Amino acid sequence: MLRADYYERSEKPRYLGDPALPLEFDPYLYRLEQRDRAARIKQIHEQGTQAVANALSRLAF
């Protein structure tokens, strides 16, 4: 969302290969992306674990 907002408000690249975002943003964006990725992985793991537990609880041994 930060990138999209910055792209809309920033000047357009002057030439092909001109970075649209200043390089100073890269470490911050990387950390945000890693945190979002970790949250998604955790959520997927929890949902998968719950789905397997539900499926196993329906089996009659």
C-alpha atoms as a PDB file:
ATOM      1  CA  MET A   1       0.000   0.000   0.000  1.00  0.00           C
ATOM      2  CA  LEU A   2       2.892   2.327   0.759  1.00  0.00           C
ATOM      3  CA  ARG A   3       4.406   1.662  -2.645  1.00  0.00           C
ATOM      4  CA  ALA A   4       1.097   2.195  -4.441  1.00  0.00           C
ATOM      5  CA  ASP A   5       0.502   5.480  -2.657  1.00  0.00           C
ATOM      6  CA  TYR A   6       4.045   6.651  -3.341  1.00  0.00           C
ATOM      7  CA  TYR A   7       3.773   5.732  -7.034  1.00  0.00           C
ATOM      8  CA  GLU A   8       0.560   7.732  -7.370  1.00  0.00           C
ATOM      9  CA  ARG A   9       2.025  10.822  -5.707  1.00  0.00           C
ATOM     10  CA  SER A  10       5.565  10.708  -7.028  1.00  0.00           C
ATOM     11  CA  GLU A  11       6.951  11.940 -10.273  1.00  0.00           C
ATOM     12  CA  LYS A  12       7.034   9.402 -13.063  1.00  0.00           C
ATOM     13  CA  PRO A  13      10.420   7.859 -13.936  1.00  0.00           C
ATOM     14  CA  ARG A  14      12.365   9.975 -16.400  1.00  0.00           C
ATOM     15  CA  TYR A  15      13.814   7.007 -18.266  1.00  0.00           C
ATOM     16  CA  LEU A  16      13.565   3.240 -18.405  1.00  0.00           C
ATOM     17  CA  GLY A  17      15.335   1.827 -15.381  1.00  0.00           C
ATOM     18  CA  ASP A  18      14.960   4.983 -13.309  1.00  0.00           C
ATOM     19  CA  PRO A  19      13.962   3.777  -9.824  1.00  0.00           C
ATOM     20  CA  ALA A  20      10.501   5.000  -8.896  1.00  0.00           C
ATOM     21  CA  LEU A  21      11.224   4.758  -5.173  1.00  0.00           C
ATOM     22  CA  PRO A  22      14.270   6.238  -3.518  1.00  0.00           C
ATOM     23  CA  LEU A  23      16.741   3.599  -2.381  1.00  0.00           C
ATOM     24  CA  GLU A  24      16.342   4.827   1.197  1.00  0.00           C
ATOM     25  CA  PHE A  25      12.930   3.094   1.312  1.00  0.00           C
ATOM     26  CA  ASP A  26      14.291  -0.346   0.431  1.00  0.00           C
ATOM     27  CA  PRO A  27      15.259  -1.522   3.955  1.00  0.00           C
ATOM     28  CA  TYR A  28      11.936  -0.355   5.396  1.00  0.00           C
ATOM     29  CA  LEU A  29       9.894  -1.938   2.631  1.00  0.00           C
ATOM     30  CA  TYR A  30      11.886  -5.159   2.956  1.00  0.00           C
ATOM     31  CA  ARG A  31      11.149  -5.351   6.692  1.00  0.00           C
ATOM     32  CA  LEU A  32       7.443  -4.639   6.101  1.00  0.00           C
ATOM     33  CA  GLU A  33       7.257  -7.338   3.438  1.00  0.00           C
ATOM     34  CA  GLN A  34       9.039  -9.849   5.689  1.00  0.00           C
ATOM     35  CA  ARG A  35       6.710  -9.097   8.596  1.00  0.00           C
ATOM     36  CA  ASP A  36       3.633  -9.471   6.357  1.00  0.00           C
ATOM     37  CA  ARG A  37       5.001 -12.699   4.909  1.00  0.00           C
ATOM     38  CA  ALA A  38       5.673 -14.115   8.376  1.00  0.00           C
ATOM     39  CA  ALA A  39       2.142 -13.207   9.491  1.00  0.00           C
ATOM     40  CA  ARG A  40       0.646 -14.910   6.414  1.00  0.00           C
ATOM     41  CA  ILE A  41       2.754 -18.035   6.941  1.00  0.00           C
ATOM     42  CA  LYS A  42       1.706 -18.192  10.600  1.00  0.00           C
ATOM     43  CA  GLN A  43      -1.973 -17.795   9.684  1.00  0.00           C
ATOM     44  CA  ILE A  44      -1.742 -20.505   7.005  1.00  0.00           C
ATOM     45  CA  HIS A  45      -0.002 -22.845   9.463  1.00  0.00           C
ATOM     46  CA  GLU A  46      -2.665 -22.279  12.122  1.00  0.00           C
ATOM     47  CA  GLN A  47      -5.527 -22.799   9.663  1.00  0.00           C
ATOM     48  CA  GLY A  48      -3.898 -25.940   8.253  1.00  0.00           C
ATOM     49  CA  THR A  49      -3.292 -27.362  11.718  1.00  0.00           C
ATOM     50  CA  GLN A  50      -6.902 -26.684  12.684  1.00  0.00           C
ATOM     51  CA  ALA A  51      -8.192 -28.276   9.470  1.00  0.00           C
ATOM     52  CA  VAL A  52      -6.147 -31.433  10.072  1.00  0.00           C
ATOM     53  CA  ALA A  53      -7.270 -31.573  13.711  1.00  0.00           C
ATOM     54  CA  ASN A  54     -10.912 -31.255  12.625  1.00  0.00           C
ATOM     55  CA  ALA A  55     -10.507 -33.968  10.011  1.00  0.00           C
ATOM     56  CA  LEU A  56      -8.810 -36.333  12.469  1.00  0.00           C
ATOM     57  CA  SER A  57     -11.455 -35.725  15.129  1.00  0.00           C
ATOM     58  CA  ARG A  58     -14.147 -36.967  12.735  1.00  0.00           C
ATOM     59  CA  LEU A  59     -12.388 -40.297  12.222  1.00  0.00           C
ATOM     60  CA  ALA A  60     -13.552 -43.128  14.441  1.00  0.00           C
ATOM     61  CA  PHE A  61     -10.732 -45.310  15.659  1.00  0.00           C
END
